PDB file of N, CA and C in Angstrom:
ATOM      1  N   MET A   1      17.564 -41.892  26.071  1.00  0.00           N
ATOM      2  CA  MET A   1      17.055 -40.835  25.221  1.00  0.00           C
ATOM      3  C   MET A   1      16.870 -41.416  23.824  1.00  0.00           C
ATOM      4  N   LYS A   2      15.790 -41.010  23.167  1.00  0.00           N
ATOM      5  CA  LYS A   2      15.533 -41.460  21.796  1.00  0.00           C
ATOM      6  C   LYS A   2      15.363 -40.236  20.909  1.00  0.00           C
ATOM      7  N   ILE A   3      16.109 -40.234  19.795  1.00  0.00           N
ATOM      8  CA  ILE A   3      16.111 -39.132  18.848  1.00  0.00           C
ATOM      9  C   ILE A   3      15.523 -39.618  17.530  1.00  0.00           C
ATOM     10  N   ALA A   4      14.590 -38.837  16.968  1.00  0.00           N
ATOM     11  CA  ALA A   4      13.971 -39.177  15.688  1.00  0.00           C
ATOM     12  C   ALA A   4      14.485 -38.243  14.599  1.00  0.00           C
ATOM     13  N   ILE A   5      14.758 -38.833  13.426  1.00  0.00           N
ATOM     14  CA  ILE A   5      15.248 -38.075  12.281  1.00  0.00           C
ATOM     15  C   ILE A   5      14.488 -38.545  11.043  1.00  0.00           C
ATOM     16  N   PRO A   6      13.837 -37.619  10.313  1.00  0.00           N
ATOM     17  CA  PRO A   6      13.147 -38.002   9.075  1.00  0.00           C
ATOM     18  C   PRO A   6      14.167 -38.351   7.992  1.00  0.00           C
ATOM     19  N   LEU A   7      13.854 -39.369   7.201  1.00  0.00           N
ATOM     20  CA  LEU A   7      14.809 -39.851   6.209  1.00  0.00           C
ATOM     21  C   LEU A   7      14.357 -39.631   4.767  1.00  0.00           C
ATOM     22  N   ALA A   8      15.337 -39.338   3.914  1.00  0.00           N
ATOM     23  CA  ALA A   8      15.182 -39.314   2.459  1.00  0.00           C
ATOM     24  C   ALA A   8      16.505 -39.793   1.878  1.00  0.00           C
ATOM     25  N   ASN A   9      16.492 -40.933   1.222  1.00  0.00           N
ATOM     26  CA  ASN A   9      17.706 -41.513   0.637  1.00  0.00           C
ATOM     27  C   ASN A   9      18.808 -41.710   1.672  1.00  0.00           C
ATOM     28  N   GLY A  10      18.432 -42.138   2.868  1.00  0.00           N
ATOM     29  CA  GLY A  10      19.406 -42.452   3.907  1.00  0.00           C
ATOM     30  C   GLY A  10      19.929 -41.275   4.699  1.00  0.00           C
ATOM     31  N   ARG A  11      19.527 -40.072   4.326  1.00  0.00           N
ATOM     32  CA  ARG A  11      19.963 -38.852   5.012  1.00  0.00           C
ATOM     33  C   ARG A  11      18.754 -38.115   5.562  1.00  0.00           C
ATOM     34  N   LEU A  12      19.026 -37.068   6.337  1.00  0.00           N
ATOM     35  CA  LEU A  12      17.949 -36.265   6.883  1.00  0.00           C
ATOM     36  C   LEU A  12      17.118 -35.651   5.755  1.00  0.00           C
ATOM     37  N   SER A  13      15.812 -35.816   5.838  1.00  0.00           N
ATOM     38  CA  SER A  13      14.894 -35.204   4.886  1.00  0.00           C
ATOM     39  C   SER A  13      14.638 -33.765   5.306  1.00  0.00           C
ATOM     40  N   MET A  14      14.621 -32.868   4.350  1.00  0.00           N
ATOM     41  CA  MET A  14      14.404 -31.468   4.663  1.00  0.00           C
ATOM     42  C   MET A  14      12.937 -31.159   4.939  1.00  0.00           C
ATOM     43  N   HIS A  15      12.022 -32.080   4.605  1.00  0.00           N
ATOM     44  CA  HIS A  15      10.590 -31.849   4.808  1.00  0.00           C
ATOM     45  C   HIS A  15      10.027 -32.910   5.750  1.00  0.00           C
ATOM     46  N   PHE A  16      10.034 -32.598   7.016  1.00  0.00           N
ATOM     47  CA  PHE A  16       9.704 -33.516   8.092  1.00  0.00           C
ATOM     48  C   PHE A  16       8.388 -34.262   7.882  1.00  0.00           C
ATOM     49  N   GLY A  17       7.324 -33.549   7.651  1.00  0.00           N
ATOM     50  CA  GLY A  17       5.993 -34.157   7.603  1.00  0.00           C
ATOM     51  C   GLY A  17       5.733 -35.039   6.404  1.00  0.00           C
ATOM     52  N   HIS A  18       6.624 -35.028   5.421  1.00  0.00           N
ATOM     53  CA  HIS A  18       6.411 -35.816   4.216  1.00  0.00           C
ATOM     54  C   HIS A  18       7.366 -37.000   4.116  1.00  0.00           C
ATOM     55  N   SER A  19       8.071 -37.301   5.181  1.00  0.00           N
ATOM     56  CA  SER A  19       9.013 -38.425   5.178  1.00  0.00           C
ATOM     57  C   SER A  19       8.264 -39.746   5.290  1.00  0.00           C
ATOM     58  N   GLU A  20       8.732 -40.715   4.523  1.00  0.00           N
ATOM     59  CA  GLU A  20       8.124 -42.048   4.589  1.00  0.00           C
ATOM     60  C   GLU A  20       8.734 -42.884   5.707  1.00  0.00           C
ATOM     61  N   TYR A  21       9.980 -42.568   6.089  1.00  0.00           N
ATOM     62  CA  TYR A  21      10.672 -43.321   7.136  1.00  0.00           C
ATOM     63  C   TYR A  21      11.348 -42.376   8.115  1.00  0.00           C
ATOM     64  N   PHE A  22      11.514 -42.857   9.322  1.00  0.00           N
ATOM     65  CA  PHE A  22      12.236 -42.128  10.356  1.00  0.00           C
ATOM     66  C   PHE A  22      13.272 -43.054  10.968  1.00  0.00           C
ATOM     67  N   ALA A  23      14.453 -42.500  11.233  1.00  0.00           N
ATOM     68  CA  ALA A  23      15.456 -43.214  12.022  1.00  0.00           C
ATOM     69  C   ALA A  23      15.174 -42.873  13.477  1.00  0.00           C
ATOM     70  N   LEU A  24      14.984 -43.896  14.297  1.00  0.00           N
ATOM     71  CA  LEU A  24      14.833 -43.715  15.744  1.00  0.00           C
ATOM     72  C   LEU A  24      16.132 -44.210  16.362  1.00  0.00           C
ATOM     73  N   ILE A  25      16.858 -43.294  16.970  1.00  0.00           N
ATOM     74  CA  ILE A  25      18.181 -43.614  17.481  1.00  0.00           C
ATOM     75  C   ILE A  25      18.193 -43.470  18.994  1.00  0.00           C
ATOM     76  N   GLU A  26      18.453 -44.592  19.669  1.00  0.00           N
ATOM     77  CA  GLU A  26      18.559 -44.588  21.125  1.00  0.00           C
ATOM     78  C   GLU A  26      19.994 -44.266  21.504  1.00  0.00           C
ATOM     79  N   VAL A  27      20.141 -43.336  22.452  1.00  0.00           N
ATOM     80  CA  VAL A  27      21.470 -42.901  22.863  1.00  0.00           C
ATOM     81  C   VAL A  27      21.577 -42.884  24.382  1.00  0.00           C
ATOM     82  N   ASP A  28      22.817 -42.952  24.848  1.00  0.00           N
ATOM     83  CA  ASP A  28      23.125 -42.729  26.256  1.00  0.00           C
ATOM     84  C   ASP A  28      23.724 -41.334  26.334  1.00  0.00           C
ATOM     85  N   PRO A  29      22.938 -40.346  26.811  1.00  0.00           N
ATOM     86  CA  PRO A  29      23.459 -38.976  26.828  1.00  0.00           C
ATOM     87  C   PRO A  29      24.664 -38.798  27.749  1.00  0.00           C
ATOM     88  N   GLY A  30      24.781 -39.616  28.775  1.00  0.00           N
ATOM     89  CA  GLY A  30      25.917 -39.507  29.693  1.00  0.00           C
ATOM     90  C   GLY A  30      27.229 -39.837  29.009  1.00  0.00           C
ATOM     91  N   SER A  31      27.250 -40.953  28.292  1.00  0.00           N
ATOM     92  CA  SER A  31      28.474 -41.364  27.590  1.00  0.00           C
ATOM     93  C   SER A  31      28.512 -40.838  26.159  1.00  0.00           C
ATOM     94  N   LYS A  32      27.408 -40.235  25.713  1.00  0.00           N
ATOM     95  CA  LYS A  32      27.294 -39.685  24.355  1.00  0.00           C
ATOM     96  C   LYS A  32      27.503 -40.773  23.302  1.00  0.00           C
ATOM     97  N   LYS A  33      26.931 -41.941  23.566  1.00  0.00           N
ATOM     98  CA  LYS A  33      27.079 -43.078  22.658  1.00  0.00           C
ATOM     99  C   LYS A  33      25.732 -43.456  22.050  1.00  0.00           C
ATOM    100  N   ILE A  34      25.782 -43.857  20.788  1.00  0.00           N
ATOM    101  CA  ILE A  34      24.611 -44.397  20.112  1.00  0.00           C
ATOM    102  C   ILE A  34      24.479 -45.863  20.515  1.00  0.00           C
ATOM    103  N   LEU A  35      23.292 -46.239  20.993  1.00  0.00           N
ATOM    104  CA  LEU A  35      23.056 -47.601  21.446  1.00  0.00           C
ATOM    105  C   LEU A  35      22.379 -48.456  20.385  1.00  0.00           C
ATOM    106  N   LYS A  36      21.425 -47.848  19.656  1.00  0.00           N
ATOM    107  CA  LYS A  36      20.637 -48.635  18.716  1.00  0.00           C
ATOM    108  C   LYS A  36      19.964 -47.709  17.716  1.00  0.00           C
ATOM    109  N   ARG A  37      19.875 -48.168  16.464  1.00  0.00           N
ATOM    110  CA  ARG A  37      19.135 -47.435  15.436  1.00  0.00           C
ATOM    111  C   ARG A  37      18.072 -48.357  14.863  1.00  0.00           C
ATOM    112  N   THR A  38      16.860 -47.832  14.750  1.00  0.00           N
ATOM    113  CA  THR A  38      15.761 -48.540  14.122  1.00  0.00           C
ATOM    114  C   THR A  38      15.122 -47.604  13.109  1.00  0.00           C
ATOM    115  N   ASP A  39      14.988 -48.064  11.870  1.00  0.00           N
ATOM    116  CA  ASP A  39      14.278 -47.281  10.862  1.00  0.00           C
ATOM    117  C   ASP A  39      12.837 -47.778  10.834  1.00  0.00           C
ATOM    118  N   ILE A  40      11.902 -46.845  10.916  1.00  0.00           N
ATOM    119  CA  ILE A  40      10.499 -47.199  11.034  1.00  0.00           C
ATOM    120  C   ILE A  40       9.684 -46.421  10.008  1.00  0.00           C
ATOM    121  N   GLN A  41       8.702 -47.095   9.429  1.00  0.00           N
ATOM    122  CA  GLN A  41       7.844 -46.437   8.445  1.00  0.00           C
ATOM    123  C   GLN A  41       6.903 -45.475   9.159  1.00  0.00           C
ATOM    124  N   ALA A  42       6.742 -44.310   8.570  1.00  0.00           N
ATOM    125  CA  ALA A  42       5.856 -43.293   9.141  1.00  0.00           C
ATOM    126  C   ALA A  42       4.401 -43.692   8.913  1.00  0.00           C
ATOM    127  N   PRO A  43       3.524 -43.226   9.789  1.00  0.00           N
ATOM    128  CA  PRO A  43       2.096 -43.462   9.544  1.00  0.00           C
ATOM    129  C   PRO A  43       1.644 -42.615   8.346  1.00  0.00           C
ATOM    130  N   PRO A  44       0.486 -42.917   7.772  1.00  0.00           N
ATOM    131  CA  PRO A  44      -0.018 -42.083   6.675  1.00  0.00           C
ATOM    132  C   PRO A  44      -0.104 -40.620   7.108  1.00  0.00           C
ATOM    133  N   HIS A  45       0.201 -39.720   6.174  1.00  0.00           N
ATOM    134  CA  HIS A  45       0.243 -38.289   6.504  1.00  0.00           C
ATOM    135  C   HIS A  45      -1.126 -37.772   6.925  1.00  0.00           C
ATOM    136  N   GLN A  46      -1.156 -37.154   8.105  1.00  0.00           N
ATOM    137  CA  GLN A  46      -2.332 -36.466   8.631  1.00  0.00           C
ATOM    138  C   GLN A  46      -1.819 -35.286   9.428  1.00  0.00           C
ATOM    139  N   PRO A  47      -2.381 -34.105   9.233  1.00  0.00           N
ATOM    140  CA  PRO A  47      -1.938 -32.958  10.026  1.00  0.00           C
ATOM    141  C   PRO A  47      -2.090 -33.235  11.529  1.00  0.00           C
ATOM    142  N   GLY A  48      -1.015 -32.976  12.275  1.00  0.00           N
ATOM    143  CA  GLY A  48      -1.051 -33.117  13.726  1.00  0.00           C
ATOM    144  C   GLY A  48      -0.829 -34.517  14.257  1.00  0.00           C
ATOM    145  N   LEU A  49      -0.686 -35.514  13.390  1.00  0.00           N
ATOM    146  CA  LEU A  49      -0.536 -36.897  13.839  1.00  0.00           C
ATOM    147  C   LEU A  49       0.881 -37.230  14.318  1.00  0.00           C
ATOM    148  N   LEU A  50       1.900 -36.720  13.617  1.00  0.00           N
ATOM    149  CA  LEU A  50       3.282 -37.123  13.927  1.00  0.00           C
ATOM    150  C   LEU A  50       3.729 -36.809  15.357  1.00  0.00           C
ATOM    151  N   PRO A  51       3.395 -35.679  15.936  1.00  0.00           N
ATOM    152  CA  PRO A  51       3.845 -35.448  17.316  1.00  0.00           C
ATOM    153  C   PRO A  51       3.355 -36.520  18.295  1.00  0.00           C
ATOM    154  N   ARG A  52       2.090 -36.873  18.227  1.00  0.00           N
ATOM    155  CA  ARG A  52       1.546 -37.909  19.122  1.00  0.00           C
ATOM    156  C   ARG A  52       2.182 -39.262  18.807  1.00  0.00           C
ATOM    157  N   TRP A  53       2.342 -39.568  17.525  1.00  0.00           N
ATOM    158  CA  TRP A  53       2.947 -40.830  17.114  1.00  0.00           C
ATOM    159  C   TRP A  53       4.387 -40.929  17.631  1.00  0.00           C
ATOM    160  N   MET A  54       5.144 -39.826  17.516  1.00  0.00           N
ATOM    161  CA  MET A  54       6.521 -39.812  18.024  1.00  0.00           C
ATOM    162  C   MET A  54       6.546 -39.994  19.540  1.00  0.00           C
ATOM    163  N   ALA A  55       5.628 -39.348  20.233  1.00  0.00           N
ATOM    164  CA  ALA A  55       5.555 -39.509  21.688  1.00  0.00           C
ATOM    165  C   ALA A  55       5.279 -40.968  22.037  1.00  0.00           C
ATOM    166  N   ASP A  56       4.395 -41.617  21.283  1.00  0.00           N
ATOM    167  CA  ASP A  56       4.095 -43.038  21.518  1.00  0.00           C
ATOM    168  C   ASP A  56       5.312 -43.921  21.267  1.00  0.00           C
ATOM    169  N   GLN A  57       6.245 -43.476  20.414  1.00  0.00           N
ATOM    170  CA  GLN A  57       7.478 -44.224  20.137  1.00  0.00           C
ATOM    171  C   GLN A  57       8.539 -43.977  21.212  1.00  0.00           C
ATOM    172  N   GLY A  58       8.268 -43.057  22.141  1.00  0.00           N
ATOM    173  CA  GLY A  58       9.228 -42.752  23.198  1.00  0.00           C
ATOM    174  C   GLY A  58      10.273 -41.724  22.811  1.00  0.00           C
ATOM    175  N   VAL A  59      10.005 -40.941  21.771  1.00  0.00           N
ATOM    176  CA  VAL A  59      10.963 -39.951  21.278  1.00  0.00           C
ATOM    177  C   VAL A  59      11.042 -38.763  22.244  1.00  0.00           C
ATOM    178  N   ASN A  60      12.285 -38.316  22.518  1.00  0.00           N
ATOM    179  CA  ASN A  60      12.544 -37.146  23.360  1.00  0.00           C
ATOM    180  C   ASN A  60      12.980 -35.927  22.562  1.00  0.00           C
ATOM    181  N   VAL A  61      13.636 -36.194  21.417  1.00  0.00           N
ATOM    182  CA  VAL A  61      14.210 -35.124  20.594  1.00  0.00           C
ATOM    183  C   VAL A  61      13.943 -35.450  19.128  1.00  0.00           C
ATOM    184  N   VAL A  62      13.607 -34.420  18.355  1.00  0.00           N
ATOM    185  CA  VAL A  62      13.478 -34.550  16.908  1.00  0.00           C
ATOM    186  C   VAL A  62      14.509 -33.621  16.275  1.00  0.00           C
ATOM    187  N   ILE A  63      15.276 -34.177  15.339  1.00  0.00           N
ATOM    188  CA  ILE A  63      16.204 -33.367  14.553  1.00  0.00           C
ATOM    189  C   ILE A  63      15.609 -33.281  13.155  1.00  0.00           C
ATOM    190  N   ALA A  64      15.380 -32.064  12.681  1.00  0.00           N
ATOM    191  CA  ALA A  64      14.714 -31.862  11.397  1.00  0.00           C
ATOM    192  C   ALA A  64      15.423 -30.800  10.576  1.00  0.00           C
ATOM    193  N   GLY A  65      15.184 -30.847   9.278  1.00  0.00           N
ATOM    194  CA  GLY A  65      15.646 -29.775   8.402  1.00  0.00           C
ATOM    195  C   GLY A  65      14.655 -28.636   8.478  1.00  0.00           C
ATOM    196  N   GLY A  66      13.412 -28.952   8.170  1.00  0.00           N
ATOM    197  CA  GLY A  66      12.353 -27.958   8.240  1.00  0.00           C
ATOM    198  C   GLY A  66      11.106 -28.542   8.865  1.00  0.00           C
ATOM    199  N   MET A  67      10.374 -27.695   9.576  1.00  0.00           N
ATOM    200  CA  MET A  67       9.149 -28.129  10.236  1.00  0.00           C
ATOM    201  C   MET A  67       8.250 -26.913  10.426  1.00  0.00           C
ATOM    202  N   GLY A  68       6.964 -27.106  10.188  1.00  0.00           N
ATOM    203  CA  GLY A  68       6.005 -26.032  10.371  1.00  0.00           C
ATOM    204  C   GLY A  68       5.897 -25.613  11.824  1.00  0.00           C
ATOM    205  N   GLN A  69       5.532 -24.356  12.038  1.00  0.00           N
ATOM    206  CA  GLN A  69       5.444 -23.808  13.394  1.00  0.00           C
ATOM    207  C   GLN A  69       4.409 -24.533  14.241  1.00  0.00           C
ATOM    208  N   ARG A  70       3.296 -24.926  13.632  1.00  0.00           N
ATOM    209  CA  ARG A  70       2.258 -25.651  14.385  1.00  0.00           C
ATOM    210  C   ARG A  70       2.799 -26.984  14.889  1.00  0.00           C
ATOM    211  N   ALA A  71       3.525 -27.703  14.031  1.00  0.00           N
ATOM    212  CA  ALA A  71       4.105 -28.988  14.432  1.00  0.00           C
ATOM    213  C   ALA A  71       5.107 -28.795  15.568  1.00  0.00           C
ATOM    214  N   ILE A  72       5.935 -27.758  15.460  1.00  0.00           N
ATOM    215  CA  ILE A  72       6.906 -27.479  16.532  1.00  0.00           C
ATOM    216  C   ILE A  72       6.172 -27.279  17.852  1.00  0.00           C
ATOM    217  N   SER A  73       5.100 -26.519  17.831  1.00  0.00           N
ATOM    218  CA  SER A  73       4.320 -26.267  19.049  1.00  0.00           C
ATOM    219  C   SER A  73       3.726 -27.553  19.605  1.00  0.00           C
ATOM    220  N   LEU A  74       3.204 -28.409  18.731  1.00  0.00           N
ATOM    221  CA  LEU A  74       2.618 -29.673  19.188  1.00  0.00           C
ATOM    222  C   LEU A  74       3.674 -30.574  19.823  1.00  0.00           C
ATOM    223  N   PHE A  75       4.856 -30.636  19.222  1.00  0.00           N
ATOM    224  CA  PHE A  75       5.937 -31.430  19.814  1.00  0.00           C
ATOM    225  C   PHE A  75       6.309 -30.884  21.191  1.00  0.00           C
ATOM    226  N   GLU A  76       6.475 -29.576  21.282  1.00  0.00           N
ATOM    227  CA  GLU A  76       6.869 -28.965  22.558  1.00  0.00           C
ATOM    228  C   GLU A  76       5.823 -29.191  23.639  1.00  0.00           C
ATOM    229  N   GLN A  77       4.540 -29.183  23.275  1.00  0.00           N
ATOM    230  CA  GLN A  77       3.472 -29.449  24.241  1.00  0.00           C
ATOM    231  C   GLN A  77       3.575 -30.868  24.802  1.00  0.00           C
ATOM    232  N   LEU A  78       4.126 -31.785  24.007  1.00  0.00           N
ATOM    233  CA  LEU A  78       4.293 -33.172  24.446  1.00  0.00           C
ATOM    234  C   LEU A  78       5.642 -33.408  25.121  1.00  0.00           C
ATOM    235  N   GLY A  79       6.420 -32.344  25.295  1.00  0.00           N
ATOM    236  CA  GLY A  79       7.710 -32.473  25.967  1.00  0.00           C
ATOM    237  C   GLY A  79       8.828 -32.970  25.067  1.00  0.00           C
ATOM    238  N   ILE A  80       8.625 -32.898  23.756  1.00  0.00           N
ATOM    239  CA  ILE A  80       9.642 -33.334  22.795  1.00  0.00           C
ATOM    240  C   ILE A  80      10.365 -32.101  22.273  1.00  0.00           C
ATOM    241  N   ARG A  81      11.695 -32.092  22.426  1.00  0.00           N
ATOM    242  CA  ARG A  81      12.501 -30.959  21.957  1.00  0.00           C
ATOM    243  C   ARG A  81      12.681 -31.067  20.454  1.00  0.00           C
ATOM    244  N   VAL A  82      12.556 -29.949  19.755  1.00  0.00           N
ATOM    245  CA  VAL A  82      12.726 -29.910  18.310  1.00  0.00           C
ATOM    246  C   VAL A  82      13.974 -29.101  17.972  1.00  0.00           C
ATOM    247  N   PHE A  83      14.851 -29.725  17.208  1.00  0.00           N
ATOM    248  CA  PHE A  83      16.037 -29.047  16.684  1.00  0.00           C
ATOM    249  C   PHE A  83      15.834 -28.982  15.177  1.00  0.00           C
ATOM    250  N   PHE A  84      15.551 -27.786  14.637  1.00  0.00           N
ATOM    251  CA  PHE A  84      15.319 -27.662  13.200  1.00  0.00           C
ATOM    252  C   PHE A  84      16.466 -26.900  12.547  1.00  0.00           C
ATOM    253  N   GLY A  85      16.511 -26.980  11.227  1.00  0.00           N
ATOM    254  CA  GLY A  85      17.575 -26.307  10.482  1.00  0.00           C
ATOM    255  C   GLY A  85      18.841 -27.131  10.382  1.00  0.00           C
ATOM    256  N   ALA A  86      18.741 -28.446  10.647  1.00  0.00           N
ATOM    257  CA  ALA A  86      19.917 -29.318  10.556  1.00  0.00           C
ATOM    258  C   ALA A  86      20.237 -29.603   9.085  1.00  0.00           C
ATOM    259  N   PRO A  87      21.497 -29.895   8.783  1.00  0.00           N
ATOM    260  CA  PRO A  87      21.877 -30.193   7.401  1.00  0.00           C
ATOM    261  C   PRO A  87      21.460 -31.607   6.992  1.00  0.00           C
ATOM    262  N   ALA A  88      21.386 -31.856   5.689  1.00  0.00           N
ATOM    263  CA  ALA A  88      20.986 -33.163   5.151  1.00  0.00           C
ATOM    264  C   ALA A  88      22.148 -34.146   5.236  1.00  0.00           C
ATOM    265  N   ASP A  89      22.443 -34.580   6.446  1.00  0.00           N
ATOM    266  CA  ASP A  89      23.559 -35.489   6.704  1.00  0.00           C
ATOM    267  C   ASP A  89      23.002 -36.850   7.139  1.00  0.00           C
ATOM    268  N   TYR A  90      23.896 -37.808   7.358  1.00  0.00           N
ATOM    269  CA  TYR A  90      23.491 -39.131   7.837  1.00  0.00           C
ATOM    270  C   TYR A  90      23.063 -39.037   9.307  1.00  0.00           C
ATOM    271  N   PRO A  91      22.043 -39.814   9.712  1.00  0.00           N
ATOM    272  CA  PRO A  91      21.509 -39.720  11.074  1.00  0.00           C
ATOM    273  C   PRO A  91      22.556 -39.867  12.184  1.00  0.00           C
ATOM    274  N   GLU A  92      23.464 -40.822  12.048  1.00  0.00           N
ATOM    275  CA  GLU A  92      24.465 -41.016  13.100  1.00  0.00           C
ATOM    276  C   GLU A  92      25.355 -39.790  13.268  1.00  0.00           C
ATOM    277  N   ASN A  93      25.717 -39.148  12.158  1.00  0.00           N
ATOM    278  CA  ASN A  93      26.534 -37.928  12.239  1.00  0.00           C
ATOM    279  C   ASN A  93      25.771 -36.818  12.948  1.00  0.00           C
ATOM    280  N   LEU A  94      24.492 -36.662  12.607  1.00  0.00           N
ATOM    281  CA  LEU A  94      23.673 -35.625  13.242  1.00  0.00           C
ATOM    282  C   LEU A  94      23.540 -35.864  14.736  1.00  0.00           C
ATOM    283  N   VAL A  95      23.311 -37.118  15.115  1.00  0.00           N
ATOM    284  CA  VAL A  95      23.150 -37.445  16.534  1.00  0.00           C
ATOM    285  C   VAL A  95      24.446 -37.210  17.296  1.00  0.00           C
ATOM    286  N   ARG A  96      25.569 -37.627  16.734  1.00  0.00           N
ATOM    287  CA  ARG A  96      26.861 -37.392  17.399  1.00  0.00           C
ATOM    288  C   ARG A  96      27.089 -35.896  17.615  1.00  0.00           C
ATOM    289  N   ASP A  97      26.849 -35.106  16.571  1.00  0.00           N
ATOM    290  CA  ASP A  97      27.020 -33.646  16.686  1.00  0.00           C
ATOM    291  C   ASP A  97      26.058 -33.064  17.713  1.00  0.00           C
ATOM    292  N   TYR A  98      24.819 -33.547  17.734  1.00  0.00           N
ATOM    293  CA  TYR A  98      23.831 -33.066  18.706  1.00  0.00           C
ATOM    294  C   TYR A  98      24.312 -33.352  20.140  1.00  0.00           C
ATOM    295  N   LEU A  99      24.766 -34.577  20.358  1.00  0.00           N
ATOM    296  CA  LEU A  99      25.224 -34.963  21.695  1.00  0.00           C
ATOM    297  C   LEU A  99      26.458 -34.180  22.129  1.00  0.00           C
ATOM    298  N   GLU A 100      27.310 -33.838  21.180  1.00  0.00           N
ATOM    299  CA  GLU A 100      28.522 -33.071  21.480  1.00  0.00           C
ATOM    300  C   GLU A 100      28.240 -31.571  21.592  1.00  0.00           C
ATOM    301  N   GLY A 101      27.025 -31.155  21.200  1.00  0.00           N
ATOM    302  CA  GLY A 101      26.684 -29.737  21.243  1.00  0.00           C
ATOM    303  C   GLY A 101      27.256 -28.956  20.079  1.00  0.00           C
ATOM    304  N   THR A 102      27.612 -29.662  18.989  1.00  0.00           N
ATOM    305  CA  THR A 102      28.223 -28.995  17.841  1.00  0.00           C
ATOM    306  C   THR A 102      27.328 -28.993  16.604  1.00  0.00           C
ATOM    307  N   LEU A 103      26.099 -29.500  16.729  1.00  0.00           N
ATOM    308  CA  LEU A 103      25.188 -29.503  15.591  1.00  0.00           C
ATOM    309  C   LEU A 103      24.773 -28.066  15.302  1.00  0.00           C
ATOM    310  N   ILE A 104      25.014 -27.632  14.083  1.00  0.00           N
ATOM    311  CA  ILE A 104      24.735 -26.256  13.707  1.00  0.00           C
ATOM    312  C   ILE A 104      23.294 -26.123  13.257  1.00  0.00           C
ATOM    313  N   GLN A 105      22.603 -25.153  13.847  1.00  0.00           N
ATOM    314  CA  GLN A 105      21.211 -24.910  13.515  1.00  0.00           C
ATOM    315  C   GLN A 105      21.116 -23.813  12.464  1.00  0.00           C
ATOM    316  N   GLY A 106      20.629 -24.200  11.279  1.00  0.00           N
ATOM    317  CA  GLY A 106      20.443 -23.249  10.198  1.00  0.00           C
ATOM    318  C   GLY A 106      19.010 -22.748  10.188  1.00  0.00           C
ATOM    319  N   PRO A 107      18.601 -22.142   9.092  1.00  0.00           N
ATOM    320  CA  PRO A 107      17.225 -21.649   8.997  1.00  0.00           C
ATOM    321  C   PRO A 107      16.233 -22.791   8.877  1.00  0.00           C
ATOM    322  N   ASN A 108      15.028 -22.554   9.330  1.00  0.00           N
ATOM    323  CA  ASN A 108      13.942 -23.509   9.188  1.00  0.00           C
ATOM    324  C   ASN A 108      13.490 -23.434   7.733  1.00  0.00           C
ATOM    325  N   VAL A 109      13.665 -24.525   6.980  1.00  0.00           N
ATOM    326  CA  VAL A 109      13.355 -24.506   5.570  1.00  0.00           C
ATOM    327  C   VAL A 109      11.872 -24.718   5.283  1.00  0.00           C
ATOM    328  N   CYS A 110      11.049 -24.836   6.306  1.00  0.00           N
ATOM    329  CA  CYS A 110       9.610 -24.999   6.126  1.00  0.00           C
ATOM    330  C   CYS A 110       8.917 -23.663   6.395  1.00  0.00           C
ATOM    331  N   ASP A 111       7.963 -23.333   5.543  1.00  0.00           N
ATOM    332  CA  ASP A 111       7.307 -22.039   5.701  1.00  0.00           C
ATOM    333  C   ASP A 111       5.826 -22.142   6.069  1.00  0.00           C
ATOM    334  N   HIS A 112       5.412 -23.292   6.606  1.00  0.00           N
ATOM    335  CA  HIS A 112       4.013 -23.407   7.042  1.00  0.00           C
ATOM    336  C   HIS A 112       3.901 -24.128   8.365  1.00  0.00           C
TER     337      HIS A 112
END
């Protein structure tokens, strides 16, 4: 399983589509262990591009602070689960909480 998290200053960015970098974290869901983290530069911003780009990276889950409804729909159409409303924490902490089922989902901070 591969989880993508938008980054701002090493933590989760609250504005998904405007992140310059993403942490791509490979995990073993059975053992709930992080296997590998790769930080990757995002492609230039274009509406609707990130869902396809994430699918091409092999992403299964996106953890975000805020994300527009259209983007959520595009991710879901590609079979990528979106978890929005996550706190601005470090990627490894978010992934561990997600795998344990303890990641708290707050409000979607994006309004478009």
